[in-house]
């Protein structure tokens, strides 16, 4: 695994550092033509990872996180490439207020410590690049992208995630669950789509997937809800095509579930449709040292942590 840590002053310096680090580890710089956008790409044996980021050019404190199947051309606005996932702000006036309306990462226009992690896992079939930023005090933002180590034979596997932190202050035991339902953490979004704001499907991680049972014929995307029982509104991709719900995630405790798909006719778990990821594995409920208290032998094989 390659890694790098450092301190930068502002969003543009962070994204320049990310561009350099990514290129040095085999990623292609798709676009950094101005001071407000970056695109990165990497081919693997399983899928093509295409991600783009955008930010305001003056005193930025947030970046959008976009993912697409295709990259059209340098100069195409992030979010408008062919077969875009649908998450990340595109329409209307591009400003910080509107960036916050869809998948993004909160940063700061000042000094920030950062950590980059990159690996071509699974023999190069599952590359990933993760970013952690200490943007203020003891608060950290995360964003990342890559390709899952897949089970079975299906088209896709590329993913991207941003970071959404619940803005409700003064939470108590009675309100903390509501706060959880407003957040998206890495490849895990414990959101239900019905707790205000009711458009949280636009913030969560996206997963490229095609040809699944009961998936719409032209569908290319899944959204990572994490919990069973969303409101059924997964939203649409950039071409207005319906997306699929992905349940499960990588947190422990009573909310932990197998990472899998929830098709129209019920729940289908990872062993049959979608993979566990050896990059960011599911965190099982367990003791203080993170050991699982109750997992079957098949799941135990996928419990390791690579970071």
C-alpha atoms as a PDB file:
ATOM      1  CA  UNK A   1       0.000   0.000   0.000  1.00  0.00           C
ATOM      2  CA  UNK A   2       1.191   3.504  -0.850  1.00  0.00           C
ATOM      3  CA  UNK A   3       0.449   6.283   1.597  1.00  0.00           C
ATOM      4  CA  UNK A   4       1.248   9.947   2.064  1.00  0.00           C
ATOM      5  CA  UNK A   5       0.536  12.484   4.765  1.00  0.00           C
ATOM      6  CA  UNK A   6       1.118  16.208   4.938  1.00  0.00           C
ATOM      7  CA  UNK A   7      -0.333  19.644   5.544  1.00  0.00           C
ATOM      8  CA  UNK A   8      -1.791  21.918   2.875  1.00  0.00           C
ATOM      9  CA  UNK A   9      -3.319  25.369   2.850  1.00  0.00           C
ATOM     10  CA  UNK A  10      -6.761  25.241   1.267  1.00  0.00           C
ATOM     11  CA  UNK A  11      -8.794  23.077  -1.070  1.00  0.00           C
ATOM     12  CA  UNK A  12      -6.836  23.737  -4.265  1.00  0.00           C
ATOM     13  CA  UNK A  13      -3.569  22.740  -2.569  1.00  0.00           C
ATOM     14  CA  UNK A  14      -5.225  19.558  -1.262  1.00  0.00           C
ATOM     15  CA  UNK A  15      -6.537  18.603  -4.697  1.00  0.00           C
ATOM     16  CA  UNK A  16      -3.174  19.358  -6.314  1.00  0.00           C
ATOM     17  CA  UNK A  17      -1.512  17.080  -3.761  1.00  0.00           C
ATOM     18  CA  UNK A  18      -4.108  14.391  -4.470  1.00  0.00           C
ATOM     19  CA  UNK A  19      -3.554  14.713  -8.226  1.00  0.00           C
ATOM     20  CA  UNK A  20       0.207  14.265  -7.824  1.00  0.00           C
ATOM     21  CA  UNK A  21      -0.152  11.330  -5.443  1.00  0.00           C
ATOM     22  CA  UNK A  22      -2.711   9.597  -7.667  1.00  0.00           C
ATOM     23  CA  UNK A  23      -0.597   9.972 -10.812  1.00  0.00           C
ATOM     24  CA  UNK A  24       2.460   8.614  -9.028  1.00  0.00           C
ATOM     25  CA  UNK A  25       0.419   5.490  -8.233  1.00  0.00           C
ATOM     26  CA  UNK A  26      -0.897   4.792 -11.720  1.00  0.00           C
ATOM     27  CA  UNK A  27      -4.066   6.895 -11.856  1.00  0.00           C
ATOM     28  CA  UNK A  28      -4.737   9.010 -14.938  1.00  0.00           C
ATOM     29  CA  UNK A  29      -5.285  12.741 -14.499  1.00  0.00           C
ATOM     30  CA  UNK A  30      -8.426  13.284 -16.555  1.00  0.00           C
ATOM     31  CA  UNK A  31      -8.924  16.964 -15.897  1.00  0.00           C
ATOM     32  CA  UNK A  32      -7.389  19.755 -13.911  1.00  0.00           C
ATOM     33  CA  UNK A  33      -7.779  22.430 -16.547  1.00  0.00           C
ATOM     34  CA  UNK A  34      -8.807  25.207 -14.196  1.00  0.00           C
ATOM     35  CA  UNK A  35      -8.490  25.937 -10.508  1.00  0.00           C
ATOM     36  CA  UNK A  36     -11.829  24.331  -9.726  1.00  0.00           C
ATOM     37  CA  UNK A  37     -12.020  20.731 -11.016  1.00  0.00           C
ATOM     38  CA  UNK A  38     -10.191  17.399 -11.022  1.00  0.00           C
ATOM     39  CA  UNK A  39     -10.876  14.064 -12.698  1.00  0.00           C
ATOM     40  CA  UNK A  40      -9.131  10.761 -11.965  1.00  0.00           C
ATOM     41  CA  UNK A  41      -9.383   7.383 -13.670  1.00  0.00           C
ATOM     42  CA  UNK A  42      -7.946   3.895 -13.383  1.00  0.00           C
ATOM     43  CA  UNK A  43      -8.623   0.709 -15.306  1.00  0.00           C
ATOM     44  CA  UNK A  44      -8.797  -2.592 -13.490  1.00  0.00           C
ATOM     45  CA  UNK A  45      -9.572  -6.118 -14.521  1.00  0.00           C
ATOM     46  CA  UNK A  46     -13.077  -5.736 -13.136  1.00  0.00           C
ATOM     47  CA  UNK A  47     -14.176  -2.188 -13.947  1.00  0.00           C
ATOM     48  CA  UNK A  48     -13.151   1.305 -14.994  1.00  0.00           C
ATOM     49  CA  UNK A  49     -13.062   3.808 -12.139  1.00  0.00           C
ATOM     50  CA  UNK A  50     -14.042   7.329 -13.233  1.00  0.00           C
ATOM     51  CA  UNK A  51     -14.436  10.095 -10.639  1.00  0.00           C
ATOM     52  CA  UNK A  52     -14.584  13.864 -10.860  1.00  0.00           C
ATOM     53  CA  UNK A  53     -14.526  16.677  -8.311  1.00  0.00           C
ATOM     54  CA  UNK A  54     -15.511  20.320  -8.516  1.00  0.00           C
ATOM     55  CA  UNK A  55     -15.322  23.323  -6.194  1.00  0.00           C
ATOM     56  CA  UNK A  56     -15.861  27.081  -6.318  1.00  0.00           C
ATOM     57  CA  UNK A  57     -12.780  28.993  -7.377  1.00  0.00           C
ATOM     58  CA  UNK A  58     -12.883  31.548  -4.553  1.00  0.00           C
ATOM     59  CA  UNK A  59     -12.377  30.461  -0.916  1.00  0.00           C
ATOM     60  CA  UNK A  60     -13.829  26.949  -1.301  1.00  0.00           C
ATOM     61  CA  UNK A  61     -14.814  24.889   1.746  1.00  0.00           C
ATOM     62  CA  UNK A  62     -16.539  21.971  -0.029  1.00  0.00           C
ATOM     63  CA  UNK A  63     -15.971  19.766  -3.065  1.00  0.00           C
ATOM     64  CA  UNK A  64     -18.519  17.796  -5.072  1.00  0.00           C
ATOM     65  CA  UNK A  65     -17.947  14.066  -5.625  1.00  0.00           C
ATOM     66  CA  UNK A  66     -19.093  12.660  -8.978  1.00  0.00           C
ATOM     67  CA  UNK A  67     -18.791   9.201 -10.494  1.00  0.00           C
ATOM     68  CA  UNK A  68     -19.465   8.139 -14.061  1.00  0.00           C
ATOM     69  CA  UNK A  69     -19.111   5.098 -16.287  1.00  0.00           C
ATOM     70  CA  UNK A  70     -17.633   7.133 -19.119  1.00  0.00           C
ATOM     71  CA  UNK A  71     -15.411  10.205 -19.437  1.00  0.00           C
ATOM     72  CA  UNK A  72     -16.509  12.339 -22.368  1.00  0.00           C
ATOM     73  CA  UNK A  73     -13.840  15.002 -22.771  1.00  0.00           C
ATOM     74  CA  UNK A  74     -11.661  17.500 -20.953  1.00  0.00           C
ATOM     75  CA  UNK A  75     -13.847  20.505 -20.226  1.00  0.00           C
ATOM     76  CA  UNK A  76     -17.039  18.521 -19.631  1.00  0.00           C
ATOM     77  CA  UNK A  77     -18.520  19.712 -16.350  1.00  0.00           C
ATOM     78  CA  UNK A  78     -18.278  17.079 -13.611  1.00  0.00           C
ATOM     79  CA  UNK A  79     -21.676  15.444 -13.297  1.00  0.00           C
ATOM     80  CA  UNK A  80     -22.394  15.768 -17.015  1.00  0.00           C
ATOM     81  CA  UNK A  81     -20.276  12.898 -18.322  1.00  0.00           C
ATOM     82  CA  UNK A  82     -22.161  10.036 -19.991  1.00  0.00           C
ATOM     83  CA  UNK A  83     -23.749   7.621 -17.526  1.00  0.00           C
ATOM     84  CA  UNK A  84     -23.136   9.776 -14.459  1.00  0.00           C
ATOM     85  CA  UNK A  85     -24.256   8.260 -11.150  1.00  0.00           C
ATOM     86  CA  UNK A  86     -26.541  11.189 -10.334  1.00  0.00           C
ATOM     87  CA  UNK A  87     -24.867  12.194  -7.058  1.00  0.00           C
ATOM     88  CA  UNK A  88     -22.962  15.471  -6.803  1.00  0.00           C
ATOM     89  CA  UNK A  89     -24.465  18.892  -7.566  1.00  0.00           C
ATOM     90  CA  UNK A  90     -24.745  19.916 -11.232  1.00  0.00           C
ATOM     91  CA  UNK A  91     -27.738  22.102 -12.194  1.00  0.00           C
ATOM     92  CA  UNK A  92     -28.384  25.775 -11.536  1.00  0.00           C
ATOM     93  CA  UNK A  93     -26.046  28.226  -9.858  1.00  0.00           C
ATOM     94  CA  UNK A  94     -22.827  26.584  -8.726  1.00  0.00           C
ATOM     95  CA  UNK A  95     -22.030  27.852  -5.241  1.00  0.00           C
ATOM     96  CA  UNK A  96     -21.245  26.450  -1.807  1.00  0.00           C
ATOM     97  CA  UNK A  97     -24.868  26.497  -0.691  1.00  0.00           C
ATOM     98  CA  UNK A  98     -25.915  24.365  -3.652  1.00  0.00           C
ATOM     99  CA  UNK A  99     -22.888  22.067  -3.432  1.00  0.00           C
ATOM    100  CA  UNK A 100     -24.191  21.060   0.002  1.00  0.00           C
ATOM    101  CA  UNK A 101     -27.446  19.832  -1.596  1.00  0.00           C
ATOM    102  CA  UNK A 102     -25.867  16.639  -2.953  1.00  0.00           C
ATOM    103  CA  UNK A 103     -22.830  14.429  -2.395  1.00  0.00           C
ATOM    104  CA  UNK A 104     -19.869  16.492  -1.258  1.00  0.00           C
ATOM    105  CA  UNK A 105     -17.015  16.719   1.241  1.00  0.00           C
ATOM    106  CA  UNK A 106     -16.688  19.428   3.850  1.00  0.00           C
ATOM    107  CA  UNK A 107     -13.175  20.919   3.978  1.00  0.00           C
ATOM    108  CA  UNK A 108     -11.812  24.376   4.790  1.00  0.00           C
ATOM    109  CA  UNK A 109     -10.092  27.332   3.128  1.00  0.00           C
ATOM    110  CA  UNK A 110      -7.167  27.141   5.529  1.00  0.00           C
ATOM    111  CA  UNK A 111      -4.508  24.748   6.804  1.00  0.00           C
ATOM    112  CA  UNK A 112      -5.503  21.058   6.792  1.00  0.00           C
ATOM    113  CA  UNK A 113      -3.679  17.844   7.622  1.00  0.00           C
ATOM    114  CA  UNK A 114      -4.343  14.993   5.192  1.00  0.00           C
ATOM    115  CA  UNK A 115      -3.703  11.278   4.716  1.00  0.00           C
ATOM    116  CA  UNK A 116      -3.810   9.474   1.343  1.00  0.00           C
ATOM    117  CA  UNK A 117      -3.975   5.671   1.008  1.00  0.00           C
ATOM    118  CA  UNK A 118      -3.745   3.802  -2.314  1.00  0.00           C
ATOM    119  CA  UNK A 119      -3.447   0.162  -3.289  1.00  0.00           C
ATOM    120  CA  UNK A 120      -3.993  -2.051  -6.318  1.00  0.00           C
ATOM    121  CA  UNK A 121      -5.652  -4.776  -4.294  1.00  0.00           C
ATOM    122  CA  UNK A 122      -6.679  -8.202  -5.558  1.00  0.00           C
ATOM    123  CA  UNK A 123      -3.885  -8.362  -8.109  1.00  0.00           C
ATOM    124  CA  UNK A 124      -4.808  -4.978  -9.547  1.00  0.00           C
ATOM    125  CA  UNK A 125      -8.481  -5.845 -10.095  1.00  0.00           C
ATOM    126  CA  UNK A 126      -9.609  -3.783  -7.085  1.00  0.00           C
ATOM    127  CA  UNK A 127      -7.690  -0.492  -6.947  1.00  0.00           C
ATOM    128  CA  UNK A 128      -8.727   2.123  -4.428  1.00  0.00           C
ATOM    129  CA  UNK A 129      -7.686   5.539  -3.172  1.00  0.00           C
ATOM    130  CA  UNK A 130      -8.936   6.884   0.174  1.00  0.00           C
ATOM    131  CA  UNK A 131      -8.530  10.379   1.577  1.00  0.00           C
ATOM    132  CA  UNK A 132      -8.821  11.509   5.207  1.00  0.00           C
ATOM    133  CA  UNK A 133      -8.662  15.211   6.061  1.00  0.00           C
ATOM    134  CA  UNK A 134      -8.484  16.844   9.489  1.00  0.00           C
ATOM    135  CA  UNK A 135     -10.307  20.012   8.529  1.00  0.00           C
ATOM    136  CA  UNK A 136     -10.875  21.565  11.945  1.00  0.00           C
ATOM    137  CA  UNK A 137     -10.199  20.647  15.563  1.00  0.00           C
ATOM    138  CA  UNK A 138     -10.937  16.954  16.051  1.00  0.00           C
ATOM    139  CA  UNK A 139     -13.218  16.743  12.982  1.00  0.00           C
ATOM    140  CA  UNK A 140     -12.221  14.609  10.010  1.00  0.00           C
ATOM    141  CA  UNK A 141     -13.707  14.279   6.531  1.00  0.00           C
ATOM    142  CA  UNK A 142     -13.387  11.206   4.334  1.00  0.00           C
ATOM    143  CA  UNK A 143     -13.800  10.612   0.625  1.00  0.00           C
ATOM    144  CA  UNK A 144     -12.635   7.876  -1.678  1.00  0.00           C
ATOM    145  CA  UNK A 145     -13.149   5.736  -4.745  1.00  0.00           C
ATOM    146  CA  UNK A 146     -12.081   2.451  -6.279  1.00  0.00           C
ATOM    147  CA  UNK A 147     -13.371  -0.967  -7.287  1.00  0.00           C
ATOM    148  CA  UNK A 148     -14.763  -3.670  -5.008  1.00  0.00           C
ATOM    149  CA  UNK A 149     -13.355  -7.163  -4.901  1.00  0.00           C
ATOM    150  CA  UNK A 150     -16.375  -8.851  -6.410  1.00  0.00           C
ATOM    151  CA  UNK A 151     -18.090 -12.147  -5.819  1.00  0.00           C
ATOM    152  CA  UNK A 152     -19.620 -13.967  -8.788  1.00  0.00           C
ATOM    153  CA  UNK A 153     -19.777 -12.662 -12.340  1.00  0.00           C
ATOM    154  CA  UNK A 154     -21.485  -9.310 -12.774  1.00  0.00           C
ATOM    155  CA  UNK A 155     -20.732  -6.048 -14.561  1.00  0.00           C
ATOM    156  CA  UNK A 156     -19.479  -3.162 -12.473  1.00  0.00           C
ATOM    157  CA  UNK A 157     -17.811  -2.790  -9.104  1.00  0.00           C
ATOM    158  CA  UNK A 158     -16.506   0.795  -9.238  1.00  0.00           C
ATOM    159  CA  UNK A 159     -17.613   2.978  -6.322  1.00  0.00           C
ATOM    160  CA  UNK A 160     -17.231   6.490  -4.933  1.00  0.00           C
ATOM    161  CA  UNK A 161     -18.195   8.061  -1.633  1.00  0.00           C
ATOM    162  CA  UNK A 162     -18.258  11.491  -0.024  1.00  0.00           C
ATOM    163  CA  UNK A 163     -18.957  12.577   3.526  1.00  0.00           C
ATOM    164  CA  UNK A 164     -22.132  13.865   5.131  1.00  0.00           C
ATOM    165  CA  UNK A 165     -22.175  14.652   8.838  1.00  0.00           C
ATOM    166  CA  UNK A 166     -25.405  15.219  10.719  1.00  0.00           C
ATOM    167  CA  UNK A 167     -25.745  18.900  11.546  1.00  0.00           C
ATOM    168  CA  UNK A 168     -28.127  18.392  14.467  1.00  0.00           C
ATOM    169  CA  UNK A 169     -26.502  19.638  17.682  1.00  0.00           C
ATOM    170  CA  UNK A 170     -27.248  18.668  21.254  1.00  0.00           C
ATOM    171  CA  UNK A 171     -28.283  15.113  20.444  1.00  0.00           C
ATOM    172  CA  UNK A 172     -29.643  12.909  23.202  1.00  0.00           C
ATOM    173  CA  UNK A 173     -30.284   9.189  23.333  1.00  0.00           C
ATOM    174  CA  UNK A 174     -33.765   9.912  22.001  1.00  0.00           C
ATOM    175  CA  UNK A 175     -32.547  11.874  18.978  1.00  0.00           C
ATOM    176  CA  UNK A 176     -29.279  10.167  18.088  1.00  0.00           C
ATOM    177  CA  UNK A 177     -31.020   7.648  15.825  1.00  0.00           C
ATOM    178  CA  UNK A 178     -32.462  10.529  13.818  1.00  0.00           C
ATOM    179  CA  UNK A 179     -28.963  11.905  13.462  1.00  0.00           C
ATOM    180  CA  UNK A 180     -27.661   8.573  12.173  1.00  0.00           C
ATOM    181  CA  UNK A 181     -30.346   8.596   9.509  1.00  0.00           C
ATOM    182  CA  UNK A 182     -28.947  11.827   8.094  1.00  0.00           C
ATOM    183  CA  UNK A 183     -25.370  10.703   7.627  1.00  0.00           C
ATOM    184  CA  UNK A 184     -23.234   8.988   5.026  1.00  0.00           C
ATOM    185  CA  UNK A 185     -19.926   7.509   6.091  1.00  0.00           C
ATOM    186  CA  UNK A 186     -17.646   6.086   3.430  1.00  0.00           C
ATOM    187  CA  UNK A 187     -19.236   2.978   1.834  1.00  0.00           C
ATOM    188  CA  UNK A 188     -22.005   3.180   4.391  1.00  0.00           C
ATOM    189  CA  UNK A 189     -24.988   5.480   4.545  1.00  0.00           C
ATOM    190  CA  UNK A 190     -27.398   4.819   7.408  1.00  0.00           C
ATOM    191  CA  UNK A 191     -30.147   6.814   5.756  1.00  0.00           C
ATOM    192  CA  UNK A 192     -33.817   6.141   5.379  1.00  0.00           C
ATOM    193  CA  UNK A 193     -34.811   8.804   2.869  1.00  0.00           C
ATOM    194  CA  UNK A 194     -37.815   9.836   4.950  1.00  0.00           C
ATOM    195  CA  UNK A 195     -36.073  11.755   7.752  1.00  0.00           C
ATOM    196  CA  UNK A 196     -35.670  15.424   6.905  1.00  0.00           C
ATOM    197  CA  UNK A 197     -34.007  16.198   4.573  1.00  0.00           C
ATOM    198  CA  UNK A 198     -35.761  13.514   2.548  1.00  0.00           C
ATOM    199  CA  UNK A 199     -33.322  13.415  -0.359  1.00  0.00           C
ATOM    200  CA  UNK A 200     -30.427  11.665   1.354  1.00  0.00           C
ATOM    201  CA  UNK A 201     -30.106   9.220  -1.529  1.00  0.00           C
ATOM    202  CA  UNK A 202     -28.270  12.073  -3.248  1.00  0.00           C
ATOM    203  CA  UNK A 203     -25.476  12.057  -0.637  1.00  0.00           C
ATOM    204  CA  UNK A 204     -24.597   8.389  -0.301  1.00  0.00           C
ATOM    205  CA  UNK A 205     -21.988   6.222  -1.995  1.00  0.00           C
ATOM    206  CA  UNK A 206     -22.723   4.979  -5.507  1.00  0.00           C
ATOM    207  CA  UNK A 207     -21.822   1.617  -7.005  1.00  0.00           C
ATOM    208  CA  UNK A 208     -21.603   0.810 -10.720  1.00  0.00           C
ATOM    209  CA  UNK A 209     -23.707  -2.296 -11.364  1.00  0.00           C
ATOM    210  CA  UNK A 210     -25.447  -3.624 -14.469  1.00  0.00           C
ATOM    211  CA  UNK A 211     -27.571  -6.611 -15.423  1.00  0.00           C
ATOM    212  CA  UNK A 212     -28.799  -7.567 -11.947  1.00  0.00           C
ATOM    213  CA  UNK A 213     -32.013  -9.539 -11.583  1.00  0.00           C
ATOM    214  CA  UNK A 214     -35.000  -7.144 -11.706  1.00  0.00           C
ATOM    215  CA  UNK A 215     -32.752  -4.159 -12.442  1.00  0.00           C
ATOM    216  CA  UNK A 216     -34.150  -1.869 -15.117  1.00  0.00           C
ATOM    217  CA  UNK A 217     -32.712  -2.765 -18.506  1.00  0.00           C
ATOM    218  CA  UNK A 218     -30.645   0.420 -18.874  1.00  0.00           C
ATOM    219  CA  UNK A 219     -29.785   0.730 -15.174  1.00  0.00           C
ATOM    220  CA  UNK A 220     -26.141   1.202 -14.241  1.00  0.00           C
ATOM    221  CA  UNK A 221     -26.113   2.350 -10.611  1.00  0.00           C
ATOM    222  CA  UNK A 222     -26.832   1.365  -7.053  1.00  0.00           C
ATOM    223  CA  UNK A 223     -26.987   3.673  -4.027  1.00  0.00           C
ATOM    224  CA  UNK A 224     -25.655   2.525  -0.652  1.00  0.00           C
ATOM    225  CA  UNK A 225     -28.420   3.034   1.915  1.00  0.00           C
ATOM    226  CA  UNK A 226     -26.914   0.710   4.564  1.00  0.00           C
ATOM    227  CA  UNK A 227     -30.190  -0.019   6.350  1.00  0.00           C
ATOM    228  CA  UNK A 228     -33.179  -2.118   5.335  1.00  0.00           C
ATOM    229  CA  UNK A 229     -36.372  -0.153   4.944  1.00  0.00           C
ATOM    230  CA  UNK A 230     -35.577   2.981   3.007  1.00  0.00           C
ATOM    231  CA  UNK A 231     -38.513   4.898   1.609  1.00  0.00           C
ATOM    232  CA  UNK A 232     -38.063   3.179  -1.754  1.00  0.00           C
ATOM    233  CA  UNK A 233     -36.812   6.334  -3.442  1.00  0.00           C
ATOM    234  CA  UNK A 234     -33.312   5.627  -4.725  1.00  0.00           C
ATOM    235  CA  UNK A 235     -33.460   8.568  -7.098  1.00  0.00           C
ATOM    236  CA  UNK A 236     -32.178   8.499 -10.656  1.00  0.00           C
ATOM    237  CA  UNK A 237     -28.803   8.738 -12.339  1.00  0.00           C
ATOM    238  CA  UNK A 238     -27.639  11.535 -14.618  1.00  0.00           C
ATOM    239  CA  UNK A 239     -29.674  10.067 -17.473  1.00  0.00           C
ATOM    240  CA  UNK A 240     -32.868   9.907 -15.346  1.00  0.00           C
ATOM    241  CA  UNK A 241     -32.686   6.097 -15.055  1.00  0.00           C
ATOM    242  CA  UNK A 242     -33.765   4.457 -11.784  1.00  0.00           C
ATOM    243  CA  UNK A 243     -31.046   3.256  -9.396  1.00  0.00           C
ATOM    244  CA  UNK A 244     -30.920   0.132  -7.219  1.00  0.00           C
ATOM    245  CA  UNK A 245     -30.813   0.062  -3.391  1.00  0.00           C
ATOM    246  CA  UNK A 246     -27.745  -1.467  -1.733  1.00  0.00           C
ATOM    247  CA  UNK A 247     -28.101  -2.406   1.922  1.00  0.00           C
ATOM    248  CA  UNK A 248     -25.521  -3.240   4.536  1.00  0.00           C
ATOM    249  CA  UNK A 249     -22.328  -1.465   5.418  1.00  0.00           C
ATOM    250  CA  UNK A 250     -19.151  -1.562   7.392  1.00  0.00           C
ATOM    251  CA  UNK A 251     -20.122  -0.388  10.849  1.00  0.00           C
ATOM    252  CA  UNK A 252     -20.548  -2.549  13.937  1.00  0.00           C
ATOM    253  CA  UNK A 253     -23.304  -2.823  16.464  1.00  0.00           C
ATOM    254  CA  UNK A 254     -27.025  -3.439  15.962  1.00  0.00           C
ATOM    255  CA  UNK A 255     -27.070  -1.591  12.610  1.00  0.00           C
ATOM    256  CA  UNK A 256     -24.553  -3.947  10.962  1.00  0.00           C
ATOM    257  CA  UNK A 257     -25.908  -5.945   8.029  1.00  0.00           C
ATOM    258  CA  UNK A 258     -24.406  -7.978   5.210  1.00  0.00           C
ATOM    259  CA  UNK A 259     -23.408  -5.770   2.277  1.00  0.00           C
ATOM    260  CA  UNK A 260     -25.802  -6.703  -0.495  1.00  0.00           C
ATOM    261  CA  UNK A 261     -28.629  -5.737  -2.751  1.00  0.00           C
ATOM    262  CA  UNK A 262     -32.280  -5.196  -1.962  1.00  0.00           C
ATOM    263  CA  UNK A 263     -34.144  -6.035  -5.168  1.00  0.00           C
ATOM    264  CA  UNK A 264     -37.818  -5.437  -5.733  1.00  0.00           C
ATOM    265  CA  UNK A 265     -38.812  -8.901  -4.573  1.00  0.00           C
ATOM    266  CA  UNK A 266     -36.925  -8.817  -1.271  1.00  0.00           C
ATOM    267  CA  UNK A 267     -33.438  -8.777   0.150  1.00  0.00           C
ATOM    268  CA  UNK A 268     -30.592 -10.510  -1.623  1.00  0.00           C
ATOM    269  CA  UNK A 269     -27.381 -10.745   0.374  1.00  0.00           C
ATOM    270  CA  UNK A 270     -23.801 -10.380  -0.719  1.00  0.00           C
ATOM    271  CA  UNK A 271     -22.971 -14.047  -1.079  1.00  0.00           C
ATOM    272  CA  UNK A 272     -25.441 -14.342  -3.933  1.00  0.00           C
ATOM    273  CA  UNK A 273     -25.458 -10.982  -5.681  1.00  0.00           C
ATOM    274  CA  UNK A 274     -22.916  -8.453  -4.455  1.00  0.00           C
ATOM    275  CA  UNK A 275     -19.484  -8.723  -2.829  1.00  0.00           C
ATOM    276  CA  UNK A 276     -18.056  -8.071   0.535  1.00  0.00           C
ATOM    277  CA  UNK A 277     -15.144  -5.716  -0.032  1.00  0.00           C
ATOM    278  CA  UNK A 278     -11.648  -6.675   1.051  1.00  0.00           C
ATOM    279  CA  UNK A 279     -10.773  -2.981   0.891  1.00  0.00           C
ATOM    280  CA  UNK A 280     -13.216  -1.656   3.491  1.00  0.00           C
ATOM    281  CA  UNK A 281     -14.688  -4.787   5.090  1.00  0.00           C
ATOM    282  CA  UNK A 282     -17.794  -4.922   7.154  1.00  0.00           C
ATOM    283  CA  UNK A 283     -17.207  -4.203  10.829  1.00  0.00           C
ATOM    284  CA  UNK A 284     -19.020  -6.872  12.826  1.00  0.00           C
ATOM    285  CA  UNK A 285     -20.448  -6.358  16.291  1.00  0.00           C
ATOM    286  CA  UNK A 286     -17.858  -7.553  18.763  1.00  0.00           C
ATOM    287  CA  UNK A 287     -15.723  -6.737  21.748  1.00  0.00           C
ATOM    288  CA  UNK A 288     -13.618  -3.625  22.296  1.00  0.00           C
ATOM    289  CA  UNK A 289     -10.833  -5.065  20.155  1.00  0.00           C
ATOM    290  CA  UNK A 290     -13.184  -5.379  17.171  1.00  0.00           C
ATOM    291  CA  UNK A 291     -13.499  -9.166  17.215  1.00  0.00           C
ATOM    292  CA  UNK A 292     -16.807 -10.482  16.009  1.00  0.00           C
ATOM    293  CA  UNK A 293     -19.022 -11.997  18.638  1.00  0.00           C
ATOM    294  CA  UNK A 294     -21.271 -13.941  16.303  1.00  0.00           C
ATOM    295  CA  UNK A 295     -20.390 -14.500  12.661  1.00  0.00           C
ATOM    296  CA  UNK A 296     -20.582 -17.628  10.600  1.00  0.00           C
ATOM    297  CA  UNK A 297     -17.489 -19.169   9.052  1.00  0.00           C
ATOM    298  CA  UNK A 298     -18.287 -17.871   5.601  1.00  0.00           C
ATOM    299  CA  UNK A 299     -18.460 -14.258   6.780  1.00  0.00           C
ATOM    300  CA  UNK A 300     -15.416 -14.595   9.018  1.00  0.00           C
ATOM    301  CA  UNK A 301     -13.238 -14.988   5.933  1.00  0.00           C
ATOM    302  CA  UNK A 302     -14.076 -11.397   4.969  1.00  0.00           C
ATOM    303  CA  UNK A 303     -13.434  -9.757   8.308  1.00  0.00           C
ATOM    304  CA  UNK A 304      -9.863  -8.576   7.736  1.00  0.00           C
ATOM    305  CA  UNK A 305      -8.914  -4.904   7.623  1.00  0.00           C
ATOM    306  CA  UNK A 306      -6.362  -3.752   5.055  1.00  0.00           C
ATOM    307  CA  UNK A 307      -5.972  -0.130   6.128  1.00  0.00           C
END
